[in-house]
PDB file of N, CA and C in Angstrom:
ATOM      1  N   MET A   1      -5.671  18.030  58.034  1.00  0.00           N
ATOM      2  CA  MET A   1      -5.064  16.757  57.765  1.00  0.00           C
ATOM      3  C   MET A   1      -5.463  16.228  56.381  1.00  0.00           C
ATOM      4  N   THR A   2      -6.735  16.360  56.055  1.00  0.00           N
ATOM      5  CA  THR A   2      -7.163  15.824  54.766  1.00  0.00           C
ATOM      6  C   THR A   2      -6.525  16.579  53.608  1.00  0.00           C
ATOM      7  N   ARG A   3      -6.273  17.860  53.807  1.00  0.00           N
ATOM      8  CA  ARG A   3      -5.646  18.632  52.729  1.00  0.00           C
ATOM      9  C   ARG A   3      -4.250  18.110  52.439  1.00  0.00           C
ATOM     10  N   VAL A   4      -3.480  17.789  53.451  1.00  0.00           N
ATOM     11  CA  VAL A   4      -2.132  17.262  53.262  1.00  0.00           C
ATOM     12  C   VAL A   4      -2.202  15.900  52.566  1.00  0.00           C
ATOM     13  N   ALA A   5      -3.128  15.060  52.997  1.00  0.00           N
ATOM     14  CA  ALA A   5      -3.275  13.745  52.386  1.00  0.00           C
ATOM     15  C   ALA A   5      -3.688  13.874  50.923  1.00  0.00           C
ATOM     16  N   ASP A   6      -4.608  14.824  50.623  1.00  0.00           N
ATOM     17  CA  ASP A   6      -5.045  15.036  49.241  1.00  0.00           C
ATOM     18  C   ASP A   6      -3.884  15.486  48.367  1.00  0.00           C
ATOM     19  N   GLN A   7      -3.067  16.400  48.886  1.00  0.00           N
ATOM     20  CA  GLN A   7      -1.916  16.867  48.119  1.00  0.00           C
ATOM     21  C   GLN A   7      -0.931  15.739  47.878  1.00  0.00           C
ATOM     22  N   LYS A   8      -0.722  14.911  48.877  1.00  0.00           N
ATOM     23  CA  LYS A   8       0.199  13.796  48.725  1.00  0.00           C
ATOM     24  C   LYS A   8      -0.326  12.807  47.682  1.00  0.00           C
ATOM     25  N   ASP A   9      -1.629  12.513  47.718  1.00  0.00           N
ATOM     26  CA  ASP A   9      -2.225  11.604  46.737  1.00  0.00           C
ATOM     27  C   ASP A   9      -2.121  12.165  45.322  1.00  0.00           C
ATOM     28  N   ARG A  10      -2.360  13.450  45.181  1.00  0.00           N
ATOM     29  CA  ARG A  10      -2.246  14.063  43.860  1.00  0.00           C
ATOM     30  C   ARG A  10      -0.817  13.995  43.350  1.00  0.00           C
ATOM     31  N   HIS A  11       0.126  14.197  44.225  1.00  0.00           N
ATOM     32  CA  HIS A  11       1.532  14.179  43.830  1.00  0.00           C
ATOM     33  C   HIS A  11       1.936  12.788  43.353  1.00  0.00           C
ATOM     34  N   THR A  12       1.543  11.760  44.070  1.00  0.00           N
ATOM     35  CA  THR A  12       1.899  10.406  43.664  1.00  0.00           C
ATOM     36  C   THR A  12       1.156  10.008  42.393  1.00  0.00           C
ATOM     37  N   ALA A  13      -0.072  10.479  42.216  1.00  0.00           N
ATOM     38  CA  ALA A  13      -0.805  10.182  40.986  1.00  0.00           C
ATOM     39  C   ALA A  13      -0.132  10.855  39.799  1.00  0.00           C
ATOM     40  N   ALA A  14       0.365  12.068  40.001  1.00  0.00           N
ATOM     41  CA  ALA A  14       1.063  12.773  38.926  1.00  0.00           C
ATOM     42  C   ALA A  14       2.368  12.062  38.582  1.00  0.00           C
ATOM     43  N   ASP A  15       3.025  11.534  39.599  1.00  0.00           N
ATOM     44  CA  ASP A  15       4.269  10.813  39.345  1.00  0.00           C
ATOM     45  C   ASP A  15       4.026   9.547  38.534  1.00  0.00           C
ATOM     46  N   ARG A  16       2.872   8.930  38.754  1.00  0.00           N
ATOM     47  CA  ARG A  16       2.575   7.690  38.053  1.00  0.00           C
ATOM     48  C   ARG A  16       1.965   7.914  36.678  1.00  0.00           C
ATOM     49  N   ALA A  17       1.544   9.131  36.374  1.00  0.00           N
ATOM     50  CA  ALA A  17       0.927   9.411  35.075  1.00  0.00           C
ATOM     51  C   ALA A  17       1.957   9.230  33.968  1.00  0.00           C
ATOM     52  N   PRO A  18       1.537   8.684  32.825  1.00  0.00           N
ATOM     53  CA  PRO A  18       2.484   8.479  31.726  1.00  0.00           C
ATOM     54  C   PRO A  18       2.977   9.813  31.180  1.00  0.00           C
ATOM     55  N   ASP A  19       4.202   9.820  30.773  1.00  0.00           N
ATOM     56  CA  ASP A  19       4.814  11.005  30.193  1.00  0.00           C
ATOM     57  C   ASP A  19       4.259  11.195  28.782  1.00  0.00           C
ATOM     58  N   ARG A  20       3.598  12.310  28.547  1.00  0.00           N
ATOM     59  CA  ARG A  20       3.000  12.542  27.223  1.00  0.00           C
ATOM     60  C   ARG A  20       4.061  12.615  26.146  1.00  0.00           C
ATOM     61  N   CYS A  21       5.188  13.210  26.442  1.00  0.00           N
ATOM     62  CA  CYS A  21       6.264  13.303  25.453  1.00  0.00           C
ATOM     63  C   CYS A  21       6.815  11.921  25.135  1.00  0.00           C
ATOM     64  N   ALA A  22       6.916  11.073  26.122  1.00  0.00           N
ATOM     65  CA  ALA A  22       7.447   9.726  25.902  1.00  0.00           C
ATOM     66  C   ALA A  22       6.523   8.945  24.984  1.00  0.00           C
ATOM     67  N   ALA A  23       5.229   9.153  25.088  1.00  0.00           N
ATOM     68  CA  ALA A  23       4.286   8.441  24.234  1.00  0.00           C
ATOM     69  C   ALA A  23       4.398   8.893  22.786  1.00  0.00           C
ATOM     70  N   GLU A  24       4.822  10.128  22.565  1.00  0.00           N
ATOM     71  CA  GLU A  24       4.932  10.655  21.207  1.00  0.00           C
ATOM     72  C   GLU A  24       6.260  10.299  20.554  1.00  0.00           C
ATOM     73  N   ARG A  25       7.238   9.894  21.332  1.00  0.00           N
ATOM     74  CA  ARG A  25       8.540   9.539  20.771  1.00  0.00           C
ATOM     75  C   ARG A  25       8.472   8.192  20.080  1.00  0.00           C
ATOM     76  N   THR A  26       9.226   8.069  19.009  1.00  0.00           N
ATOM     77  CA  THR A  26       9.328   6.777  18.351  1.00  0.00           C
ATOM     78  C   THR A  26      10.732   6.239  18.590  1.00  0.00           C
ATOM     79  N   ILE A  27      10.822   4.935  18.668  1.00  0.00           N
ATOM     80  CA  ILE A  27      12.105   4.292  18.884  1.00  0.00           C
ATOM     81  C   ILE A  27      12.480   3.608  17.586  1.00  0.00           C
ATOM     82  N   ASP A  28      13.666   3.881  17.089  1.00  0.00           N
ATOM     83  CA  ASP A  28      14.065   3.308  15.815  1.00  0.00           C
ATOM     84  C   ASP A  28      14.652   1.913  15.991  1.00  0.00           C
ATOM     85  N   ALA A  29      14.897   1.265  14.870  1.00  0.00           N
ATOM     86  CA  ALA A  29      15.388  -0.114  14.870  1.00  0.00           C
ATOM     87  C   ALA A  29      16.753  -0.228  15.551  1.00  0.00           C
ATOM     88  N   ILE A  30      17.582   0.770  15.425  1.00  0.00           N
ATOM     89  CA  ILE A  30      18.920   0.722  16.045  1.00  0.00           C
ATOM     90  C   ILE A  30      18.799   0.686  17.568  1.00  0.00           C
ATOM     91  N   ALA A  31      17.914   1.508  18.115  1.00  0.00           N
ATOM     92  CA  ALA A  31      17.710   1.520  19.568  1.00  0.00           C
ATOM     93  C   ALA A  31      17.128   0.188  20.034  1.00  0.00           C
ATOM     94  N   LEU A  32      16.214  -0.371  19.252  1.00  0.00           N
ATOM     95  CA  LEU A  32      15.627  -1.658  19.618  1.00  0.00           C
ATOM     96  C   LEU A  32      16.677  -2.774  19.579  1.00  0.00           C
ATOM     97  N   GLU A  33      17.554  -2.735  18.584  1.00  0.00           N
ATOM     98  CA  GLU A  33      18.634  -3.720  18.505  1.00  0.00           C
ATOM     99  C   GLU A  33      19.530  -3.617  19.744  1.00  0.00           C
ATOM    100  N   ASP A  34      19.827  -2.386  20.145  1.00  0.00           N
ATOM    101  CA  ASP A  34      20.662  -2.173  21.334  1.00  0.00           C
ATOM    102  C   ASP A  34      19.974  -2.734  22.577  1.00  0.00           C
ATOM    103  N   CYS A  35      18.680  -2.496  22.701  1.00  0.00           N
ATOM    104  CA  CYS A  35      17.927  -3.025  23.849  1.00  0.00           C
ATOM    105  C   CYS A  35      17.909  -4.547  23.836  1.00  0.00           C
ATOM    106  N   LEU A  36      17.737  -5.137  22.665  1.00  0.00           N
ATOM    107  CA  LEU A  36      17.748  -6.598  22.567  1.00  0.00           C
ATOM    108  C   LEU A  36      19.099  -7.165  22.998  1.00  0.00           C
ATOM    109  N   ASP A  37      20.172  -6.485  22.611  1.00  0.00           N
ATOM    110  CA  ASP A  37      21.510  -6.925  23.036  1.00  0.00           C
ATOM    111  C   ASP A  37      21.643  -6.897  24.552  1.00  0.00           C
ATOM    112  N   ARG A  38      21.157  -5.810  25.145  1.00  0.00           N
ATOM    113  CA  ARG A  38      21.262  -5.679  26.608  1.00  0.00           C
ATOM    114  C   ARG A  38      20.420  -6.725  27.332  1.00  0.00           C
ATOM    115  N   ILE A  39      19.228  -6.972  26.826  1.00  0.00           N
ATOM    116  CA  ILE A  39      18.364  -7.977  27.462  1.00  0.00           C
ATOM    117  C   ILE A  39      18.973  -9.369  27.290  1.00  0.00           C
ATOM    118  N   ALA A  40      19.553  -9.641  26.135  1.00  0.00           N
ATOM    119  CA  ALA A  40      20.201 -10.939  25.925  1.00  0.00           C
ATOM    120  C   ALA A  40      21.352 -11.126  26.925  1.00  0.00           C
ATOM    121  N   GLN A  41      22.096 -10.071  27.177  1.00  0.00           N
ATOM    122  CA  GLN A  41      23.178 -10.150  28.172  1.00  0.00           C
ATOM    123  C   GLN A  41      22.601 -10.385  29.567  1.00  0.00           C
ATOM    124  N   ALA A  42      21.499  -9.716  29.868  1.00  0.00           N
ATOM    125  CA  ALA A  42      20.871  -9.898  31.178  1.00  0.00           C
ATOM    126  C   ALA A  42      20.359 -11.327  31.337  1.00  0.00           C
ATOM    127  N   ILE A  43      19.800 -11.866  30.274  1.00  0.00           N
ATOM    128  CA  ILE A  43      19.304 -13.249  30.319  1.00  0.00           C
ATOM    129  C   ILE A  43      20.454 -14.218  30.563  1.00  0.00           C
ATOM    130  N   SER A  44      21.557 -14.003  29.846  1.00  0.00           N
ATOM    131  CA  SER A  44      22.679 -14.940  29.977  1.00  0.00           C
ATOM    132  C   SER A  44      23.379 -14.836  31.324  1.00  0.00           C
ATOM    133  N   SER A  45      23.330 -13.671  31.964  1.00  0.00           N
ATOM    134  CA  SER A  45      24.017 -13.515  33.247  1.00  0.00           C
ATOM    135  C   SER A  45      23.096 -13.719  34.456  1.00  0.00           C
ATOM    136  N   ASP A  46      21.815 -13.930  34.209  1.00  0.00           N
ATOM    137  CA  ASP A  46      20.868 -14.113  35.308  1.00  0.00           C
ATOM    138  C   ASP A  46      21.032 -15.497  35.929  1.00  0.00           C
ATOM    139  N   PRO A  47      21.317 -15.551  37.235  1.00  0.00           N
ATOM    140  CA  PRO A  47      21.479 -16.852  37.888  1.00  0.00           C
ATOM    141  C   PRO A  47      20.209 -17.703  37.863  1.00  0.00           C
ATOM    142  N   ALA A  48      19.058 -17.063  37.738  1.00  0.00           N
ATOM    143  CA  ALA A  48      17.788 -17.799  37.724  1.00  0.00           C
ATOM    144  C   ALA A  48      17.447 -18.310  36.319  1.00  0.00           C
ATOM    145  N   GLY A  49      18.297 -18.057  35.360  1.00  0.00           N
ATOM    146  CA  GLY A  49      18.059 -18.555  34.004  1.00  0.00           C
ATOM    147  C   GLY A  49      17.501 -17.534  33.037  1.00  0.00           C
ATOM    148  N   GLY A  50      17.092 -16.381  33.531  1.00  0.00           N
ATOM    149  CA  GLY A  50      16.639 -15.303  32.653  1.00  0.00           C
ATOM    150  C   GLY A  50      15.205 -15.394  32.184  1.00  0.00           C
ATOM    151  N   ALA A  51      14.438 -16.322  32.720  1.00  0.00           N
ATOM    152  CA  ALA A  51      13.046 -16.480  32.273  1.00  0.00           C
ATOM    153  C   ALA A  51      12.222 -15.214  32.500  1.00  0.00           C
ATOM    154  N   ALA A  52      12.541 -14.452  33.512  1.00  0.00           N
ATOM    155  CA  ALA A  52      11.796 -13.225  33.813  1.00  0.00           C
ATOM    156  C   ALA A  52      11.987 -12.174  32.707  1.00  0.00           C
ATOM    157  N   TYR A  53      13.089 -12.270  31.976  1.00  0.00           N
ATOM    158  CA  TYR A  53      13.374 -11.288  30.921  1.00  0.00           C
ATOM    159  C   TYR A  53      12.762 -11.671  29.574  1.00  0.00           C
ATOM    160  N   LEU A  54      12.326 -12.903  29.415  1.00  0.00           N
ATOM    161  CA  LEU A  54      11.829 -13.354  28.117  1.00  0.00           C
ATOM    162  C   LEU A  54      10.649 -12.540  27.588  1.00  0.00           C
ATOM    163  N   PRO A  55       9.644 -12.176  28.408  1.00  0.00           N
ATOM    164  CA  PRO A  55       8.558 -11.349  27.869  1.00  0.00           C
ATOM    165  C   PRO A  55       9.051  -9.996  27.340  1.00  0.00           C
ATOM    166  N   ILE A  56      10.031  -9.428  28.018  1.00  0.00           N
ATOM    167  CA  ILE A  56      10.590  -8.149  27.562  1.00  0.00           C
ATOM    168  C   ILE A  56      11.295  -8.353  26.226  1.00  0.00           C
ATOM    169  N   TYR A  57      12.090  -9.407  26.132  1.00  0.00           N
ATOM    170  CA  TYR A  57      12.813  -9.715  24.906  1.00  0.00           C
ATOM    171  C   TYR A  57      11.837  -9.951  23.747  1.00  0.00           C
ATOM    172  N   GLU A  58      10.778 -10.715  24.009  1.00  0.00           N
ATOM    173  CA  GLU A  58       9.786 -10.995  22.975  1.00  0.00           C
ATOM    174  C   GLU A  58       9.090  -9.720  22.507  1.00  0.00           C
ATOM    175  N   ARG A  59       8.783  -8.838  23.435  1.00  0.00           N
ATOM    176  CA  ARG A  59       8.130  -7.573  23.068  1.00  0.00           C
ATOM    177  C   ARG A  59       9.059  -6.709  22.228  1.00  0.00           C
ATOM    178  N   LEU A  60      10.329  -6.663  22.617  1.00  0.00           N
ATOM    179  CA  LEU A  60      11.288  -5.877  21.840  1.00  0.00           C
ATOM    180  C   LEU A  60      11.463  -6.445  20.432  1.00  0.00           C
ATOM    181  N   GLU A  61      11.497  -7.764  20.322  1.00  0.00           N
ATOM    182  CA  GLU A  61      11.589  -8.386  18.995  1.00  0.00           C
ATOM    183  C   GLU A  61      10.372  -8.028  18.147  1.00  0.00           C
ATOM    184  N   SER A  62       9.206  -8.064  18.759  1.00  0.00           N
ATOM    185  CA  SER A  62       7.979  -7.703  18.054  1.00  0.00           C
ATOM    186  C   SER A  62       8.020  -6.249  17.589  1.00  0.00           C
ATOM    187  N   GLU A  63       8.455  -5.371  18.471  1.00  0.00           N
ATOM    188  CA  GLU A  63       8.566  -3.950  18.114  1.00  0.00           C
ATOM    189  C   GLU A  63       9.599  -3.732  17.014  1.00  0.00           C
ATOM    190  N   LEU A  64      10.679  -4.508  17.034  1.00  0.00           N
ATOM    191  CA  LEU A  64      11.707  -4.399  15.998  1.00  0.00           C
ATOM    192  C   LEU A  64      11.121  -4.806  14.646  1.00  0.00           C
ATOM    193  N   ARG A  65      10.370  -5.896  14.607  1.00  0.00           N
ATOM    194  CA  ARG A  65       9.748  -6.323  13.347  1.00  0.00           C
ATOM    195  C   ARG A  65       8.789  -5.254  12.832  1.00  0.00           C
ATOM    196  N   ILE A  66       8.029  -4.659  13.728  1.00  0.00           N
ATOM    197  CA  ILE A  66       7.098  -3.591  13.330  1.00  0.00           C
ATOM    198  C   ILE A  66       7.873  -2.396  12.780  1.00  0.00           C
ATOM    199  N   ALA A  67       8.950  -2.010  13.443  1.00  0.00           N
ATOM    200  CA  ALA A  67       9.759  -0.873  12.979  1.00  0.00           C
ATOM    201  C   ALA A  67      10.369  -1.161  11.608  1.00  0.00           C
ATOM    202  N   GLN A  68      10.825  -2.389  11.396  1.00  0.00           N
ATOM    203  CA  GLN A  68      11.403  -2.747  10.104  1.00  0.00           C
ATOM    204  C   GLN A  68      10.345  -2.732   9.009  1.00  0.00           C
ATOM    205  N   LEU A  69       9.170  -3.262   9.292  1.00  0.00           N
ATOM    206  CA  LEU A  69       8.083  -3.228   8.313  1.00  0.00           C
ATOM    207  C   LEU A  69       7.643  -1.798   8.018  1.00  0.00           C
ATOM    208  N   ARG A  70       7.610  -0.980   9.050  1.00  0.00           N
ATOM    209  CA  ARG A  70       7.237   0.424   8.859  1.00  0.00           C
ATOM    210  C   ARG A  70       8.253   1.124   7.965  1.00  0.00           C
ATOM    211  N   GLN A  71       9.540   0.800   8.131  1.00  0.00           N
ATOM    212  CA  GLN A  71      10.569   1.403   7.282  1.00  0.00           C
ATOM    213  C   GLN A  71      10.397   0.958   5.833  1.00  0.00           C
ATOM    214  N   VAL A  72      10.078  -0.322   5.631  1.00  0.00           N
ATOM    215  CA  VAL A  72       9.822  -0.816   4.274  1.00  0.00           C
ATOM    216  C   VAL A  72       8.641  -0.063   3.667  1.00  0.00           C
ATOM    217  N   THR A  73       7.611   0.174   4.465  1.00  0.00           N
ATOM    218  CA  THR A  73       6.448   0.914   3.978  1.00  0.00           C
ATOM    219  C   THR A  73       6.820   2.339   3.613  1.00  0.00           C
ATOM    220  N   TRP A  74       7.594   3.003   4.462  1.00  0.00           N
ATOM    221  CA  TRP A  74       8.030   4.378   4.150  1.00  0.00           C
ATOM    222  C   TRP A  74       8.872   4.405   2.881  1.00  0.00           C
ATOM    223  N   ASP A  75       9.745   3.421   2.716  1.00  0.00           N
ATOM    224  CA  ASP A  75      10.553   3.348   1.492  1.00  0.00           C
ATOM    225  C   ASP A  75       9.657   3.189   0.268  1.00  0.00           C
ATOM    226  N   SER A  76       8.622   2.369   0.389  1.00  0.00           N
ATOM    227  CA  SER A  76       7.681   2.163  -0.705  1.00  0.00           C
ATOM    228  C   SER A  76       6.917   3.450  -1.024  1.00  0.00           C
ATOM    229  N   VAL A  77       6.474   4.147  -0.004  1.00  0.00           N
ATOM    230  CA  VAL A  77       5.764   5.415  -0.202  1.00  0.00           C
ATOM    231  C   VAL A  77       6.662   6.414  -0.922  1.00  0.00           C
ATOM    232  N   ASN A  78       7.902   6.540  -0.467  1.00  0.00           N
ATOM    233  CA  ASN A  78       8.834   7.485  -1.092  1.00  0.00           C
ATOM    234  C   ASN A  78       9.131   7.116  -2.538  1.00  0.00           C
ATOM    235  N   ALA A  79       9.300   5.825  -2.817  1.00  0.00           N
ATOM    236  CA  ALA A  79       9.547   5.389  -4.190  1.00  0.00           C
ATOM    237  C   ALA A  79       8.344   5.699  -5.077  1.00  0.00           C
ATOM    238  N   ARG A  80       7.140   5.465  -4.548  1.00  0.00           N
ATOM    239  CA  ARG A  80       5.929   5.761  -5.317  1.00  0.00           C
ATOM    240  C   ARG A  80       5.820   7.252  -5.600  1.00  0.00           C
ATOM    241  N   LEU A  81       6.128   8.071  -4.612  1.00  0.00           N
ATOM    242  CA  LEU A  81       6.066   9.526  -4.821  1.00  0.00           C
ATOM    243  C   LEU A  81       7.074   9.984  -5.861  1.00  0.00           C
ATOM    244  N   ARG A  82       8.270   9.377  -5.848  1.00  0.00           N
ATOM    245  CA  ARG A  82       9.267   9.730  -6.871  1.00  0.00           C
ATOM    246  C   ARG A  82       8.762   9.358  -8.264  1.00  0.00           C
ATOM    247  N   ARG A  83       8.176   8.153  -8.396  1.00  0.00           N
ATOM    248  CA  ARG A  83       7.639   7.730  -9.699  1.00  0.00           C
ATOM    249  C   ARG A  83       6.502   8.643 -10.130  1.00  0.00           C
ATOM    250  N   LEU A  84       5.643   9.006  -9.197  1.00  0.00           N
ATOM    251  CA  LEU A  84       4.523   9.885  -9.506  1.00  0.00           C
ATOM    252  C   LEU A  84       5.011  11.250  -9.959  1.00  0.00           C
ATOM    253  N   THR A  85       6.000  11.772  -9.251  1.00  0.00           N
ATOM    254  CA  THR A  85       6.564  13.070  -9.615  1.00  0.00           C
ATOM    255  C   THR A  85       7.198  13.017 -10.999  1.00  0.00           C
ATOM    256  N   ASP A  86       7.958  11.955 -11.266  1.00  0.00           N
ATOM    257  CA  ASP A  86       8.590  11.802 -12.582  1.00  0.00           C
ATOM    258  C   ASP A  86       7.540  11.670 -13.675  1.00  0.00           C
ATOM    259  N   ARG A  87       6.491  10.879 -13.399  1.00  0.00           N
ATOM    260  CA  ARG A  87       5.441  10.677 -14.394  1.00  0.00           C
ATOM    261  C   ARG A  87       4.697  11.977 -14.657  1.00  0.00           C
ATOM    262  N   LYS A  88       4.391  12.732 -13.592  1.00  0.00           N
ATOM    263  CA  LYS A  88       3.684  14.007 -13.776  1.00  0.00           C
ATOM    264  C   LYS A  88       4.548  15.007 -14.523  1.00  0.00           C
ATOM    265  N   ALA A  89       5.843  15.002 -14.250  1.00  0.00           N
ATOM    266  CA  ALA A  89       6.742  15.914 -14.953  1.00  0.00           C
ATOM    267  C   ALA A  89       6.745  15.583 -16.437  1.00  0.00           C
ATOM    268  N   GLY A  90       6.745  14.308 -16.782  1.00  0.00           N
ATOM    269  CA  GLY A  90       6.697  13.893 -18.182  1.00  0.00           C
ATOM    270  C   GLY A  90       5.366  14.222 -18.819  1.00  0.00           C
ATOM    271  N   GLN A  91       4.268  14.028 -18.111  1.00  0.00           N
ATOM    272  CA  GLN A  91       2.943  14.307 -18.650  1.00  0.00           C
ATOM    273  C   GLN A  91       2.733  15.794 -18.842  1.00  0.00           C
ATOM    274  N   SER A  92       3.210  16.601 -17.915  1.00  0.00           N
ATOM    275  CA  SER A  92       2.981  18.037 -18.041  1.00  0.00           C
ATOM    276  C   SER A  92       3.736  18.582 -19.235  1.00  0.00           C
ATOM    277  N   PHE A  93       4.895  17.997 -19.542  1.00  0.00           N
ATOM    278  CA  PHE A  93       5.634  18.453 -20.713  1.00  0.00           C
ATOM    279  C   PHE A  93       4.899  18.040 -21.978  1.00  0.00           C
ATOM    280  N   GLU A  94       4.388  16.805 -22.007  1.00  0.00           N
ATOM    281  CA  GLU A  94       3.681  16.318 -23.179  1.00  0.00           C
ATOM    282  C   GLU A  94       2.320  16.996 -23.329  1.00  0.00           C
ATOM    283  N   ALA A  95       1.650  17.286 -22.252  1.00  0.00           N
ATOM    284  CA  ALA A  95       0.322  17.883 -22.322  1.00  0.00           C
ATOM    285  C   ALA A  95       0.373  19.360 -22.665  1.00  0.00           C
ATOM    286  N   HIS A  96       1.484  20.001 -22.383  1.00  0.00           N
ATOM    287  CA  HIS A  96       1.615  21.430 -22.637  1.00  0.00           C
ATOM    288  C   HIS A  96       2.914  21.707 -23.389  1.00  0.00           C
ATOM    289  N   PRO A  97       3.008  21.224 -24.637  1.00  0.00           N
ATOM    290  CA  PRO A  97       4.253  21.435 -25.365  1.00  0.00           C
ATOM    291  C   PRO A  97       4.441  22.899 -25.755  1.00  0.00           C
ATOM    292  N   VAL A  98       5.663  23.268 -25.895  1.00  0.00           N
ATOM    293  CA  VAL A  98       6.009  24.618 -26.326  1.00  0.00           C
ATOM    294  C   VAL A  98       6.618  24.500 -27.713  1.00  0.00           C
ATOM    295  N   ALA A  99       6.045  25.227 -28.683  1.00  0.00           N
ATOM    296  CA  ALA A  99       6.582  25.219 -30.045  1.00  0.00           C
ATOM    297  C   ALA A  99       7.619  26.321 -30.150  1.00  0.00           C
ATOM    298  N   ILE A 100       8.832  25.949 -30.442  1.00  0.00           N
ATOM    299  CA  ILE A 100       9.911  26.925 -30.542  1.00  0.00           C
ATOM    300  C   ILE A 100      10.202  27.161 -32.024  1.00  0.00           C
ATOM    301  N   ARG A 101       9.992  28.421 -32.485  1.00  0.00           N
ATOM    302  CA  ARG A 101      10.251  28.749 -33.875  1.00  0.00           C
ATOM    303  C   ARG A 101      11.634  29.336 -34.049  1.00  0.00           C
ATOM    304  N   GLY A 102      12.201  29.829 -32.972  1.00  0.00           N
ATOM    305  CA  GLY A 102      13.518  30.428 -33.060  1.00  0.00           C
ATOM    306  C   GLY A 102      14.133  30.454 -31.679  1.00  0.00           C
ATOM    307  N   THR A 103      15.275  31.124 -31.584  1.00  0.00           N
ATOM    308  CA  THR A 103      15.946  31.155 -30.302  1.00  0.00           C
ATOM    309  C   THR A 103      15.581  32.376 -29.479  1.00  0.00           C
ATOM    310  N   HIS A 104      14.975  33.361 -30.076  1.00  0.00           N
ATOM    311  CA  HIS A 104      14.593  34.569 -29.351  1.00  0.00           C
ATOM    312  C   HIS A 104      13.357  34.292 -28.505  1.00  0.00           C
ATOM    313  N   PRO A 105      13.290  34.823 -27.269  1.00  0.00           N
ATOM    314  CA  PRO A 105      12.128  34.578 -26.414  1.00  0.00           C
ATOM    315  C   PRO A 105      10.795  34.977 -27.036  1.00  0.00           C
ATOM    316  N   ASP A 106      10.796  35.951 -27.918  1.00  0.00           N
ATOM    317  CA  ASP A 106       9.546  36.363 -28.568  1.00  0.00           C
ATOM    318  C   ASP A 106       9.038  35.300 -29.533  1.00  0.00           C
ATOM    319  N   HIS A 107       9.893  34.389 -29.957  1.00  0.00           N
ATOM    320  CA  HIS A 107       9.513  33.360 -30.915  1.00  0.00           C
ATOM    321  C   HIS A 107       9.011  32.081 -30.247  1.00  0.00           C
ATOM    322  N   ILE A 108       8.965  32.062 -28.902  1.00  0.00           N
ATOM    323  CA  ILE A 108       8.484  30.884 -28.182  1.00  0.00           C
ATOM    324  C   ILE A 108       6.990  31.034 -27.978  1.00  0.00           C
ATOM    325  N   GLN A 109       6.223  30.066 -28.487  1.00  0.00           N
ATOM    326  CA  GLN A 109       4.772  30.114 -28.361  1.00  0.00           C
ATOM    327  C   GLN A 109       4.286  28.932 -27.552  1.00  0.00           C
ATOM    328  N   ALA A 110       3.375  29.207 -26.671  1.00  0.00           N
ATOM    329  CA  ALA A 110       2.749  28.130 -25.914  1.00  0.00           C
ATOM    330  C   ALA A 110       1.664  27.494 -26.774  1.00  0.00           C
ATOM    331  N   ASP A 111       1.367  26.262 -26.483  1.00  0.00           N
ATOM    332  CA  ASP A 111       0.280  25.551 -27.153  1.00  0.00           C
ATOM    333  C   ASP A 111      -1.013  26.323 -26.903  1.00  0.00           C
ATOM    334  N   PRO A 112      -1.837  26.561 -27.945  1.00  0.00           N
ATOM    335  CA  PRO A 112      -3.072  27.345 -27.781  1.00  0.00           C
ATOM    336  C   PRO A 112      -4.029  26.760 -26.739  1.00  0.00           C
ATOM    337  N   CYS A 113      -3.984  25.464 -26.515  1.00  0.00           N
ATOM    338  CA  CYS A 113      -4.913  24.884 -25.532  1.00  0.00           C
ATOM    339  C   CYS A 113      -4.566  25.347 -24.112  1.00  0.00           C
ATOM    340  N   CYS A 114      -3.370  25.818 -23.916  1.00  0.00           N
ATOM    341  CA  CYS A 114      -2.935  26.237 -22.585  1.00  0.00           C
ATOM    342  C   CYS A 114      -3.009  27.734 -22.391  1.00  0.00           C
ATOM    343  N   ALA A 115      -3.384  28.466 -23.397  1.00  0.00           N
ATOM    344  CA  ALA A 115      -3.401  29.924 -23.306  1.00  0.00           C
ATOM    345  C   ALA A 115      -4.455  30.363 -22.298  1.00  0.00           C
ATOM    346  N   PRO A 116      -4.136  31.425 -21.554  1.00  0.00           N
ATOM    347  CA  PRO A 116      -5.108  31.911 -20.543  1.00  0.00           C
ATOM    348  C   PRO A 116      -6.316  32.563 -21.156  1.00  0.00           C
TER     349      PRO A 116
END
């Protein structure tokens, strides 16, 4: 009898365990906007006034603000990386100029400071 009860308890505990994949998923701003729309509809159609949905709505709004700020941060990071890449490309050309004496490849000399 105890073995059956133990198996049943383990099964229900496994059912209640959080989904590891769900924890790793991120929800974007579009999905959050859609959820906010649905909750707003639920609030407006709730005969009790929708007060029970307000904490959910507030949490979704908070998550939406976080997602929007995170996107602004990612945009800033990407812009900085582009500027850094452009600046390094300009510096590497200036730091290692190539003196061209003619059009033939044998006439192209690297700056002596860069020679191996």
